[in-house]
Protein backbone atom coordinates (compact mmCIF):
# COMPACT_ATOMS: atom_id res chain seq x y z
CA PHE A 1 -39.04 260.73 6.03
CA PRO A 2 -36.49 262.51 7.98
CA SER A 3 -35.57 266.01 6.55
CA ASN A 4 -32.78 264.67 5.00
CA PHE A 5 -33.95 261.07 4.04
CA SER A 6 -31.70 261.39 0.45
CA GLY A 7 -28.63 261.57 2.30
CA LEU A 8 -28.32 264.89 0.88
CA PRO A 9 -27.00 268.04 4.05
CA ASP A 10 -30.19 269.83 4.79
CA ASN A 11 -29.21 273.21 3.35
CA GLN A 12 -29.16 271.13 -0.07
CA MET A 13 -32.44 270.04 0.10
CA ASP A 14 -33.88 273.71 0.13
CA PRO A 15 -36.55 274.02 -2.85
CA LEU A 16 -35.43 277.53 -3.48
CA ARG A 17 -32.17 276.23 -4.78
CA LEU A 18 -33.89 273.36 -7.46
CA GLY A 19 -32.69 274.15 -11.13
CA GLN A 20 -35.79 274.91 -13.67
CA TRP A 21 -36.13 271.06 -15.11
CA ASP A 22 -36.74 269.76 -11.81
CA TYR A 23 -40.09 271.60 -11.48
CA PHE A 24 -41.27 270.10 -15.14
CA ALA A 25 -39.63 266.71 -13.68
CA HIS A 26 -41.78 266.71 -11.01
CA ASP A 27 -45.05 267.50 -12.96
CA ALA A 28 -44.09 264.78 -15.50
CA VAL A 29 -43.58 262.29 -12.96
CA THR A 30 -47.43 263.40 -11.50
CA THR A 31 -48.61 263.73 -14.82
CA LEU A 32 -47.68 260.07 -15.59
CA GLY A 33 -48.86 258.37 -11.80
CA MET A 34 -52.24 260.26 -12.38
CA ALA A 35 -52.87 259.04 -16.26
CA ALA A 36 -52.12 255.36 -14.38
CA CYS A 37 -54.83 256.20 -11.56
CA GLN A 38 -57.13 256.98 -14.33
CA ALA A 39 -56.53 253.94 -16.37
CA LEU A 40 -56.90 251.80 -13.72
CA SER A 41 -60.28 253.04 -12.65
CA HIS A 42 -61.43 252.80 -16.09
CA LYS A 43 -60.23 249.10 -15.99
CA SER A 44 -61.57 248.20 -12.71
CA ALA A 45 -64.92 249.77 -14.00
CA ASP A 46 -64.67 246.97 -17.02
CA GLY A 47 -63.87 244.47 -14.31
CA GLY A 48 -59.91 244.57 -15.21
CA GLU A 49 -57.24 244.30 -13.04
CA SER A 50 -54.02 245.24 -14.59
CA ILE A 51 -53.07 247.89 -17.04
CA GLN A 52 -50.69 247.98 -19.87
CA GLY A 53 -49.07 251.18 -21.67
CA PRO A 54 -51.61 251.52 -24.12
CA ASP A 55 -54.19 252.47 -21.06
CA VAL A 56 -52.20 254.78 -19.36
CA LEU A 57 -51.23 256.49 -23.00
CA ALA A 58 -55.03 256.56 -23.82
CA GLN A 59 -55.55 258.40 -20.17
CA LEU A 60 -52.45 261.28 -20.75
CA ALA A 61 -54.51 263.64 -23.00
CA ASN A 62 -57.51 263.78 -19.88
CA ILE A 63 -54.99 265.20 -17.46
CA SER A 64 -54.92 268.50 -16.72
CA PHE A 65 -53.79 270.37 -13.05
CA ASP A 66 -51.86 273.29 -11.24
CA GLY A 67 -48.60 271.79 -10.73
CA VAL A 68 -45.15 273.27 -9.54
CA SER A 69 -44.05 274.43 -13.33
CA GLY A 70 -47.53 275.88 -13.88
CA ARG A 71 -50.99 274.62 -15.71
CA VAL A 72 -50.00 271.52 -17.14
CA GLU A 73 -52.52 270.18 -20.18
CA LEU A 74 -51.28 267.82 -22.74
CA ASP A 75 -52.19 268.23 -26.39
CA PRO A 76 -54.17 265.49 -27.40
CA ASP A 77 -52.77 264.62 -30.87
CA THR A 78 -49.02 265.05 -29.77
CA LEU A 79 -49.19 264.17 -25.90
CA SER A 80 -46.98 267.07 -25.75
CA ARG A 81 -47.11 269.95 -22.87
CA LYS A 82 -49.32 272.85 -24.54
CA ILE A 83 -47.17 275.58 -25.10
CA LYS A 84 -49.26 278.15 -23.73
CA THR A 85 -48.95 276.02 -20.19
CA THR A 86 -45.23 276.82 -19.88
CA THR A 87 -42.80 279.26 -19.64
CA PHE A 88 -39.35 278.81 -21.87
CA VAL A 89 -36.51 279.81 -20.61
CA LEU A 90 -33.39 279.93 -23.07
CA THR A 91 -29.71 279.69 -21.81
CA ASN A 92 -26.61 280.66 -22.90
CA THR A 93 -23.67 278.26 -22.25
CA PHE A 94 -20.30 279.02 -23.51
CA MET A 95 -16.63 277.59 -22.42
CA SER A 96 -14.07 279.88 -21.51
CA ASP A 97 -10.16 279.47 -20.89
CA VAL A 98 -9.54 279.66 -17.52
CA GLY A 99 -6.61 278.18 -16.46
CA PRO A 100 -3.56 279.02 -14.52
């Protein structure tokens, strides 16, 4: 793909300009893809040819990798990201009266 395949100017494709949530979104999609691949691998070993949502869900707890937002590991009970593997950022947003 060309460097601006999204149609954005090159200066908007700069990874240093990504927001804090973009890294988490990338790792979330990667996690789901890895779980789907593992589910398909297990299904194929059992003679199956397709996977369903529950197959992918069963594999999520087995996923761990070093992502762009840090170490990614999921709690096997909640399937939420383990708190020790992420950094929380609190942002205070307020409205101001700016006008003519």
